[in-house]
Amino acid sequence: MAGLTRYPVKSLAGEELAVVEVGPRGLAGDRGWAVHTEDGGIGSGKTTRRFRRVDGLLELRARLAGAVPVVDFPSGPLTADDAAANQTLSTVLGRPLELRPEGEVPHHDQSPVHVITSAALRSLGRVLGRILRALADGRDLTFGVQASVLRGGTIRRGDSAVLL
């Protein structure tokens, strides 16, 4: 694997990892929190029955510090469970928003793991330039292979991966 990226808060930029545990839910700590809109939707780059498009989410980055993500705002980092984080998030993105931990329903879209090959990214990059923005605008953020975990364990950057 050329890279391992975990997204502690769904739809925010994530963190690169050298090693991570993976299980039936996916990478440990991945999308354990999400941004919620006033109507109860989950903030995303797209609008569906569950998700609400919230522009600007990818401009913010989250990293895991223990069990609670730290969100890097322009004014400085705040933990997701700090009440000031909700106010800052709402101010930065210009609408009422709230950071919440995952409840009964997983925050991931359709599968716990998303695999993208470096060859596919290079090919798409040559055609489109800024990949995530182009995917959001032209493909509803659909790209790659959705995967399930059959047997959990530790994965490391550089490990080989075989798609079955």
N, C-alpha and C. Protein backbone atom coordinates (compact mmCIF):
# COMPACT_ATOMS: atom_id res chain seq x y z
N MET A 1 0.83 -1.17 0.00
CA MET A 1 0.00 0.00 0.00
C MET A 1 0.88 1.23 0.00
N ALA A 2 0.60 2.10 -0.92
CA ALA A 2 1.38 3.32 -1.02
C ALA A 2 1.01 4.30 0.08
N GLY A 3 -0.23 4.26 0.55
CA GLY A 3 -0.65 5.18 1.59
C GLY A 3 -1.81 4.63 2.38
N LEU A 4 -1.88 5.06 3.62
CA LEU A 4 -3.00 4.73 4.50
C LEU A 4 -3.52 6.06 5.04
N THR A 5 -4.75 6.37 4.74
CA THR A 5 -5.32 7.61 5.22
C THR A 5 -6.55 7.31 6.05
N ARG A 6 -6.58 7.90 7.23
CA ARG A 6 -7.74 7.76 8.12
C ARG A 6 -8.42 9.11 8.19
N TYR A 7 -9.74 9.09 8.20
CA TYR A 7 -10.55 10.29 8.28
C TYR A 7 -11.35 10.24 9.58
N PRO A 8 -10.79 10.75 10.69
CA PRO A 8 -11.49 10.66 11.98
C PRO A 8 -12.85 11.34 11.99
N VAL A 9 -13.01 12.40 11.18
CA VAL A 9 -14.31 13.07 11.03
C VAL A 9 -14.70 12.95 9.56
N LYS A 10 -15.84 12.33 9.30
CA LYS A 10 -16.29 12.12 7.94
C LYS A 10 -16.30 13.40 7.14
N SER A 11 -15.73 13.34 5.95
CA SER A 11 -15.71 14.42 4.96
C SER A 11 -14.76 15.56 5.27
N LEU A 12 -14.00 15.47 6.37
CA LEU A 12 -12.90 16.41 6.60
C LEU A 12 -11.64 15.75 6.07
N ALA A 13 -10.64 16.54 5.70
CA ALA A 13 -9.36 15.97 5.30
C ALA A 13 -8.85 15.14 6.47
N GLY A 14 -8.09 14.10 6.16
CA GLY A 14 -7.67 13.17 7.19
C GLY A 14 -6.19 13.22 7.50
N GLU A 15 -5.70 12.09 8.01
CA GLU A 15 -4.31 11.99 8.42
C GLU A 15 -3.66 10.77 7.79
N GLU A 16 -2.41 10.92 7.38
CA GLU A 16 -1.64 9.81 6.83
C GLU A 16 -1.08 8.98 7.98
N LEU A 17 -1.15 7.66 7.83
CA LEU A 17 -0.69 6.75 8.88
C LEU A 17 0.40 5.84 8.33
N ALA A 18 1.27 5.40 9.21
CA ALA A 18 2.27 4.40 8.84
C ALA A 18 1.74 3.00 9.14
N VAL A 19 0.91 2.88 10.18
CA VAL A 19 0.36 1.59 10.60
C VAL A 19 -1.00 1.82 11.24
N VAL A 20 -1.93 0.86 11.06
CA VAL A 20 -3.25 0.99 11.67
C VAL A 20 -3.89 -0.38 11.79
N GLU A 21 -4.72 -0.53 12.79
CA GLU A 21 -5.52 -1.75 12.94
C GLU A 21 -6.75 -1.62 12.04
N VAL A 22 -7.14 -2.74 11.46
CA VAL A 22 -8.33 -2.76 10.61
C VAL A 22 -9.20 -3.92 11.04
N GLY A 23 -10.51 -3.68 11.05
CA GLY A 23 -11.47 -4.70 11.45
C GLY A 23 -12.73 -4.58 10.63
N PRO A 24 -13.79 -5.25 11.02
CA PRO A 24 -15.04 -5.24 10.24
C PRO A 24 -15.59 -3.85 9.98
N ARG A 25 -15.33 -2.88 10.88
CA ARG A 25 -15.81 -1.52 10.72
C ARG A 25 -14.87 -0.68 9.85
N GLY A 26 -13.71 -1.23 9.51
CA GLY A 26 -12.72 -0.52 8.72
C GLY A 26 -11.52 -0.15 9.56
N LEU A 27 -10.85 0.93 9.21
CA LEU A 27 -9.68 1.38 9.95
C LEU A 27 -10.09 1.87 11.33
N ALA A 28 -9.33 1.51 12.35
CA ALA A 28 -9.63 1.97 13.71
C ALA A 28 -9.64 3.50 13.76
N GLY A 29 -10.75 4.05 14.26
CA GLY A 29 -10.88 5.50 14.39
C GLY A 29 -11.33 6.22 13.14
N ASP A 30 -11.59 5.49 12.06
CA ASP A 30 -11.99 6.12 10.81
C ASP A 30 -13.47 6.48 10.84
N ARG A 31 -13.78 7.71 10.56
CA ARG A 31 -15.15 8.24 10.48
C ARG A 31 -15.98 7.91 11.72
N GLY A 32 -15.33 7.94 12.86
CA GLY A 32 -16.04 7.73 14.12
C GLY A 32 -16.85 8.95 14.53
N TRP A 33 -16.56 10.08 13.93
CA TRP A 33 -17.29 11.33 14.17
C TRP A 33 -17.73 11.88 12.83
N ALA A 34 -18.75 12.74 12.86
CA ALA A 34 -19.23 13.40 11.64
C ALA A 34 -19.78 14.77 11.98
N VAL A 35 -19.87 15.59 10.97
CA VAL A 35 -20.52 16.89 11.07
C VAL A 35 -21.99 16.67 10.77
N HIS A 36 -22.86 17.19 11.63
CA HIS A 36 -24.30 17.05 11.43
C HIS A 36 -24.92 18.42 11.15
N THR A 37 -25.88 18.43 10.22
CA THR A 37 -26.58 19.66 9.86
C THR A 37 -27.81 19.83 10.75
N GLU A 38 -28.43 20.99 10.66
CA GLU A 38 -29.61 21.29 11.48
C GLU A 38 -30.75 20.27 11.32
N ASP A 39 -30.88 19.74 10.11
CA ASP A 39 -31.98 18.80 9.86
C ASP A 39 -31.61 17.35 10.18
N GLY A 40 -30.44 17.15 10.80
CA GLY A 40 -30.03 15.81 11.21
C GLY A 40 -29.23 15.06 10.17
N GLY A 41 -29.00 15.66 9.01
CA GLY A 41 -28.19 15.02 7.98
C GLY A 41 -26.73 15.00 8.37
N ILE A 42 -25.97 14.15 7.70
CA ILE A 42 -24.53 14.05 7.93
C ILE A 42 -23.84 14.87 6.85
N GLY A 43 -22.99 15.79 7.28
CA GLY A 43 -22.27 16.66 6.35
C GLY A 43 -21.38 15.85 5.42
N SER A 44 -21.39 16.19 4.13
CA SER A 44 -20.67 15.43 3.12
C SER A 44 -20.38 16.34 1.93
N GLY A 45 -19.79 15.75 0.90
CA GLY A 45 -19.57 16.48 -0.34
C GLY A 45 -20.73 16.30 -1.31
N LYS A 46 -21.75 15.54 -0.88
CA LYS A 46 -22.89 15.25 -1.76
C LYS A 46 -24.17 15.30 -0.95
N THR A 47 -25.29 15.39 -1.63
CA THR A 47 -26.59 15.36 -0.97
C THR A 47 -27.32 14.09 -1.39
N THR A 48 -27.71 13.30 -0.39
CA THR A 48 -28.50 12.09 -0.61
C THR A 48 -29.54 12.03 0.51
N ARG A 49 -30.18 10.89 0.65
CA ARG A 49 -31.15 10.74 1.73
C ARG A 49 -30.49 10.97 3.10
N ARG A 50 -29.28 10.44 3.31
CA ARG A 50 -28.57 10.56 4.60
C ARG A 50 -27.63 11.75 4.68
N PHE A 51 -27.04 12.12 3.55
CA PHE A 51 -25.96 13.10 3.55
C PHE A 51 -26.42 14.45 3.02
N ARG A 52 -25.80 15.50 3.55
CA ARG A 52 -26.10 16.87 3.10
C ARG A 52 -24.80 17.51 2.65
N ARG A 53 -24.81 18.10 1.47
CA ARG A 53 -23.61 18.78 0.98
C ARG A 53 -23.32 19.98 1.87
N VAL A 54 -22.11 20.02 2.37
CA VAL A 54 -21.64 21.14 3.18
C VAL A 54 -20.32 21.58 2.56
N ASP A 55 -20.37 22.68 1.81
CA ASP A 55 -19.17 23.19 1.17
C ASP A 55 -18.15 23.63 2.22
N GLY A 56 -16.89 23.33 1.95
CA GLY A 56 -15.81 23.75 2.83
C GLY A 56 -15.31 22.70 3.79
N LEU A 57 -15.99 21.57 3.90
CA LEU A 57 -15.55 20.53 4.84
C LEU A 57 -14.13 20.06 4.55
N LEU A 58 -13.81 19.84 3.28
CA LEU A 58 -12.48 19.34 2.93
C LEU A 58 -11.36 20.35 3.17
N GLU A 59 -11.73 21.59 3.48
CA GLU A 59 -10.72 22.60 3.80
C GLU A 59 -10.22 22.44 5.23
N LEU A 60 -10.94 21.66 6.04
CA LEU A 60 -10.55 21.41 7.43
C LEU A 60 -9.95 20.02 7.54
N ARG A 61 -9.06 19.84 8.49
CA ARG A 61 -8.37 18.56 8.68
C ARG A 61 -8.64 18.06 10.09
N ALA A 62 -8.77 16.72 10.21
CA ALA A 62 -8.94 16.11 11.53
C ALA A 62 -7.88 15.03 11.71
N ARG A 63 -7.45 14.87 12.95
CA ARG A 63 -6.51 13.82 13.31
C ARG A 63 -6.96 13.24 14.63
N LEU A 64 -6.65 11.99 14.85
CA LEU A 64 -7.09 11.34 16.07
C LEU A 64 -6.07 11.55 17.18
N ALA A 65 -6.55 11.96 18.34
CA ALA A 65 -5.72 12.12 19.53
C ALA A 65 -6.43 11.35 20.64
N GLY A 66 -6.08 10.09 20.82
CA GLY A 66 -6.83 9.24 21.74
C GLY A 66 -8.12 8.83 21.09
N ALA A 67 -9.22 8.93 21.81
CA ALA A 67 -10.52 8.51 21.28
C ALA A 67 -11.27 9.65 20.58
N VAL A 68 -10.80 10.87 20.74
CA VAL A 68 -11.52 12.04 20.22
C VAL A 68 -10.68 12.76 19.17
N PRO A 69 -11.27 13.06 18.01
CA PRO A 69 -10.51 13.77 16.98
C PRO A 69 -10.20 15.21 17.38
N VAL A 70 -9.10 15.70 16.82
CA VAL A 70 -8.74 17.10 16.92
C VAL A 70 -8.95 17.68 15.53
N VAL A 71 -9.73 18.77 15.45
CA VAL A 71 -10.00 19.43 14.18
C VAL A 71 -9.10 20.66 14.10
N ASP A 72 -8.36 20.77 13.01
CA ASP A 72 -7.49 21.92 12.79
C ASP A 72 -8.27 23.02 12.08
N PHE A 73 -8.66 24.04 12.84
CA PHE A 73 -9.36 25.21 12.30
C PHE A 73 -8.34 26.28 11.97
N PRO A 74 -8.69 27.27 11.14
CA PRO A 74 -7.77 28.37 10.86
C PRO A 74 -7.31 29.09 12.14
N SER A 75 -8.17 29.11 13.16
CA SER A 75 -7.83 29.79 14.41
C SER A 75 -7.05 28.90 15.38
N GLY A 76 -6.88 27.62 15.03
CA GLY A 76 -6.15 26.69 15.88
C GLY A 76 -6.92 25.42 16.12
N PRO A 77 -6.29 24.41 16.68
CA PRO A 77 -6.93 23.11 16.88
C PRO A 77 -7.89 23.09 18.07
N LEU A 78 -8.98 22.32 17.91
CA LEU A 78 -9.94 22.08 18.98
C LEU A 78 -10.36 20.61 18.93
N THR A 79 -10.57 20.01 20.12
CA THR A 79 -11.07 18.64 20.12
C THR A 79 -12.55 18.65 19.74
N ALA A 80 -12.97 17.59 19.08
CA ALA A 80 -14.34 17.51 18.55
C ALA A 80 -15.39 17.56 19.65
N ASP A 81 -15.04 17.16 20.88
CA ASP A 81 -16.02 17.18 21.96
C ASP A 81 -16.04 18.49 22.74
N ASP A 82 -15.27 19.46 22.31
CA ASP A 82 -15.24 20.79 22.93
C ASP A 82 -16.39 21.61 22.34
N ALA A 83 -17.24 22.20 23.17
CA ALA A 83 -18.37 23.00 22.68
C ALA A 83 -17.91 24.12 21.75
N ALA A 84 -16.72 24.64 21.98
CA ALA A 84 -16.19 25.69 21.11
C ALA A 84 -15.96 25.19 19.69
N ALA A 85 -15.74 23.89 19.53
CA ALA A 85 -15.53 23.34 18.19
C ALA A 85 -16.78 23.48 17.34
N ASN A 86 -17.95 23.25 17.91
CA ASN A 86 -19.20 23.40 17.16
C ASN A 86 -19.42 24.85 16.74
N GLN A 87 -19.16 25.78 17.65
CA GLN A 87 -19.32 27.19 17.32
C GLN A 87 -18.32 27.61 16.24
N THR A 88 -17.09 27.17 16.38
CA THR A 88 -16.06 27.51 15.40
C THR A 88 -16.39 26.91 14.04
N LEU A 89 -16.81 25.65 14.02
CA LEU A 89 -17.20 24.99 12.78
C LEU A 89 -18.34 25.75 12.09
N SER A 90 -19.35 26.11 12.85
CA SER A 90 -20.49 26.85 12.31
C SER A 90 -20.07 28.21 11.76
N THR A 91 -19.19 28.88 12.47
CA THR A 91 -18.71 30.20 12.03
C THR A 91 -17.88 30.08 10.75
N VAL A 92 -16.94 29.14 10.73
CA VAL A 92 -16.06 28.96 9.58
C VAL A 92 -16.84 28.58 8.33
N LEU A 93 -17.84 27.71 8.47
CA LEU A 93 -18.58 27.23 7.30
C LEU A 93 -19.89 27.98 7.06
N GLY A 94 -20.22 28.92 7.93
CA GLY A 94 -21.34 29.82 7.68
C GLY A 94 -22.72 29.24 7.82
N ARG A 95 -22.87 28.21 8.65
CA ARG A 95 -24.20 27.62 8.90
C ARG A 95 -24.13 26.80 10.19
N PRO A 96 -25.26 26.59 10.85
CA PRO A 96 -25.26 25.81 12.10
C PRO A 96 -24.86 24.35 11.84
N LEU A 97 -23.80 23.92 12.52
CA LEU A 97 -23.29 22.56 12.38
C LEU A 97 -22.86 22.04 13.74
N GLU A 98 -22.84 20.71 13.86
CA GLU A 98 -22.45 20.10 15.13
C GLU A 98 -21.63 18.83 14.88
N LEU A 99 -20.53 18.70 15.61
CA LEU A 99 -19.71 17.48 15.56
C LEU A 99 -20.29 16.47 16.54
N ARG A 100 -20.52 15.23 16.04
CA ARG A 100 -21.08 14.18 16.91
C ARG A 100 -20.36 12.87 16.65
N PRO A 101 -20.22 12.05 17.72
CA PRO A 101 -19.68 10.71 17.52
C PRO A 101 -20.71 9.81 16.85
N GLU A 102 -20.21 8.75 16.24
CA GLU A 102 -21.08 7.79 15.57
C GLU A 102 -22.02 7.13 16.57
N GLY A 103 -23.26 6.94 16.16
CA GLY A 103 -24.24 6.25 16.99
C GLY A 103 -24.49 4.86 16.44
N GLU A 104 -25.75 4.51 16.30
CA GLU A 104 -26.14 3.18 15.82
C GLU A 104 -25.80 2.95 14.35
N VAL A 105 -25.87 4.00 13.54
CA VAL A 105 -25.66 3.87 12.09
C VAL A 105 -24.26 4.36 11.74
N PRO A 106 -23.46 3.52 11.07
CA PRO A 106 -22.10 3.93 10.70
C PRO A 106 -22.09 5.17 9.81
N HIS A 107 -21.04 5.97 9.95
CA HIS A 107 -20.91 7.17 9.14
C HIS A 107 -20.40 6.90 7.73
N HIS A 108 -19.83 5.71 7.49
CA HIS A 108 -19.30 5.47 6.15
C HIS A 108 -20.44 5.37 5.14
N ASP A 109 -20.10 5.62 3.87
CA ASP A 109 -21.12 5.66 2.82
C ASP A 109 -21.72 4.28 2.57
N GLN A 110 -20.99 3.42 1.87
CA GLN A 110 -21.53 2.12 1.52
C GLN A 110 -20.65 0.96 1.96
N SER A 111 -19.43 1.23 2.34
CA SER A 111 -18.53 0.17 2.78
C SER A 111 -17.53 0.73 3.77
N PRO A 112 -16.98 -0.12 4.64
CA PRO A 112 -16.05 0.37 5.65
C PRO A 112 -14.67 0.72 5.12
N VAL A 113 -14.30 0.21 3.95
CA VAL A 113 -12.98 0.47 3.38
C VAL A 113 -13.14 0.88 1.93
N HIS A 114 -12.34 1.85 1.52
CA HIS A 114 -12.36 2.33 0.14
C HIS A 114 -10.93 2.21 -0.39
N VAL A 115 -10.73 1.45 -1.45
CA VAL A 115 -9.41 1.20 -2.01
C VAL A 115 -9.29 1.94 -3.34
N ILE A 116 -8.23 2.72 -3.47
CA ILE A 116 -7.96 3.43 -4.71
C ILE A 116 -6.53 3.10 -5.12
N THR A 117 -6.34 2.66 -6.35
CA THR A 117 -4.99 2.32 -6.79
C THR A 117 -4.24 3.57 -7.23
N SER A 118 -2.94 3.54 -7.08
CA SER A 118 -2.12 4.68 -7.49
C SER A 118 -2.19 4.86 -9.00
N ALA A 119 -2.30 3.77 -9.75
CA ALA A 119 -2.42 3.88 -11.21
C ALA A 119 -3.71 4.60 -11.60
N ALA A 120 -4.80 4.29 -10.91
CA ALA A 120 -6.07 4.96 -11.21
C ALA A 120 -5.99 6.45 -10.88
N LEU A 121 -5.36 6.78 -9.77
CA LEU A 121 -5.21 8.19 -9.39
C LEU A 121 -4.35 8.96 -10.40
N ARG A 122 -3.24 8.36 -10.82
CA ARG A 122 -2.38 9.02 -11.80
C ARG A 122 -3.15 9.27 -13.11
N SER A 123 -3.89 8.27 -13.54
CA SER A 123 -4.66 8.40 -14.77
C SER A 123 -5.71 9.50 -14.66
N LEU A 124 -6.43 9.48 -13.57
CA LEU A 124 -7.47 10.50 -13.37
C LEU A 124 -6.85 11.88 -13.21
N GLY A 125 -5.73 11.96 -12.50
CA GLY A 125 -5.05 13.24 -12.31
C GLY A 125 -4.60 13.86 -13.61
N ARG A 126 -4.12 13.02 -14.54
CA ARG A 126 -3.70 13.55 -15.85
C ARG A 126 -4.88 14.16 -16.60
N VAL A 127 -6.05 13.60 -16.42
CA VAL A 127 -7.24 14.08 -17.12
C VAL A 127 -7.87 15.28 -16.42
N LEU A 128 -7.92 15.24 -15.09
CA LEU A 128 -8.73 16.21 -14.35
C LEU A 128 -7.98 17.30 -13.60
N GLY A 129 -6.70 17.12 -13.24
CA GLY A 129 -6.00 18.11 -12.42
C GLY A 129 -6.38 17.94 -10.95
N ARG A 130 -7.13 18.86 -10.36
CA ARG A 130 -7.50 18.80 -8.92
C ARG A 130 -8.52 17.73 -8.72
N ILE A 131 -8.07 16.48 -8.21
CA ILE A 131 -8.86 15.26 -8.25
C ILE A 131 -10.10 15.31 -7.37
N LEU A 132 -9.97 15.64 -6.08
CA LEU A 132 -11.14 15.59 -5.19
C LEU A 132 -12.23 16.56 -5.63
N ARG A 133 -11.86 17.75 -6.03
CA ARG A 133 -12.86 18.72 -6.48
C ARG A 133 -13.56 18.21 -7.74
N ALA A 134 -12.78 17.66 -8.66
CA ALA A 134 -13.37 17.15 -9.90
C ALA A 134 -14.30 15.97 -9.61
N LEU A 135 -13.91 15.09 -8.69
CA LEU A 135 -14.78 13.97 -8.33
C LEU A 135 -16.07 14.46 -7.68
N ALA A 136 -15.96 15.46 -6.84
CA ALA A 136 -17.15 16.00 -6.18
C ALA A 136 -18.10 16.62 -7.21
N ASP A 137 -17.53 17.36 -8.14
CA ASP A 137 -18.36 18.05 -9.12
C ASP A 137 -18.88 17.14 -10.23
N GLY A 138 -18.06 16.20 -10.68
CA GLY A 138 -18.43 15.43 -11.85
C GLY A 138 -18.85 14.00 -11.62
N ARG A 139 -18.51 13.41 -10.45
CA ARG A 139 -18.81 11.99 -10.25
C ARG A 139 -19.46 11.72 -8.90
N ASP A 140 -19.96 12.75 -8.24
CA ASP A 140 -20.62 12.58 -6.94
C ASP A 140 -19.72 11.84 -5.96
N LEU A 141 -18.40 12.13 -6.05
CA LEU A 141 -17.37 11.52 -5.19
C LEU A 141 -17.33 10.00 -5.28
N THR A 142 -17.63 9.46 -6.46
CA THR A 142 -17.60 8.02 -6.67
C THR A 142 -16.37 7.64 -7.47
N PHE A 143 -15.47 6.87 -6.84
CA PHE A 143 -14.24 6.44 -7.49
C PHE A 143 -13.58 5.39 -6.61
N GLY A 144 -13.00 4.37 -7.18
CA GLY A 144 -12.31 3.36 -6.40
C GLY A 144 -13.14 2.12 -6.19
N VAL A 145 -12.67 1.28 -5.29
CA VAL A 145 -13.31 0.00 -5.00
C VAL A 145 -13.78 0.01 -3.56
N GLN A 146 -15.05 -0.30 -3.35
CA GLN A 146 -15.58 -0.42 -1.99
C GLN A 146 -15.26 -1.82 -1.51
N ALA A 147 -14.79 -1.93 -0.26
CA ALA A 147 -14.34 -3.22 0.24
C ALA A 147 -14.85 -3.47 1.65
N SER A 148 -14.93 -4.75 1.99
CA SER A 148 -15.26 -5.19 3.34
C SER A 148 -14.03 -5.90 3.91
N VAL A 149 -13.95 -5.97 5.21
CA VAL A 149 -12.84 -6.64 5.86
C VAL A 149 -13.27 -8.05 6.24
N LEU A 150 -12.61 -9.05 5.67
CA LEU A 150 -12.93 -10.45 5.97
C LEU A 150 -12.17 -10.93 7.20
N ARG A 151 -10.94 -10.44 7.38
CA ARG A 151 -10.13 -10.83 8.52
C ARG A 151 -9.34 -9.61 8.96
N GLY A 152 -9.55 -9.16 10.17
CA GLY A 152 -8.89 -7.97 10.67
C GLY A 152 -7.43 -8.21 11.00
N GLY A 153 -6.75 -7.12 11.31
CA GLY A 153 -5.35 -7.21 11.69
C GLY A 153 -4.68 -5.86 11.53
N THR A 154 -3.38 -5.88 11.54
CA THR A 154 -2.59 -4.66 11.40
C THR A 154 -2.12 -4.52 9.96
N ILE A 155 -2.30 -3.33 9.39
CA ILE A 155 -1.76 -3.07 8.06
C ILE A 155 -0.78 -1.91 8.16
N ARG A 156 0.22 -1.96 7.28
CA ARG A 156 1.27 -0.95 7.28
C ARG A 156 1.44 -0.38 5.88
N ARG A 157 1.82 0.90 5.83
CA ARG A 157 2.16 1.49 4.54
C ARG A 157 3.27 0.63 3.95
N GLY A 158 3.14 0.26 2.70
CA GLY A 158 4.12 -0.58 2.03
C GLY A 158 3.71 -2.03 1.94
N ASP A 159 2.70 -2.44 2.74
CA ASP A 159 2.19 -3.81 2.63
C ASP A 159 1.60 -4.04 1.24
N SER A 160 1.67 -5.27 0.76
CA SER A 160 1.01 -5.57 -0.52
C SER A 160 -0.48 -5.80 -0.26
N ALA A 161 -1.27 -5.51 -1.26
CA ALA A 161 -2.72 -5.72 -1.17
C ALA A 161 -3.15 -6.51 -2.38
N VAL A 162 -4.05 -7.45 -2.16
CA VAL A 162 -4.57 -8.27 -3.24
C VAL A 162 -6.10 -8.14 -3.24
N LEU A 163 -6.63 -7.74 -4.38
CA LEU A 163 -8.08 -7.66 -4.50
C LEU A 163 -8.59 -9.01 -4.99
N LEU A 164 -9.53 -9.57 -4.28
CA LEU A 164 -10.08 -10.88 -4.64
C LEU A 164 -11.41 -10.74 -5.34
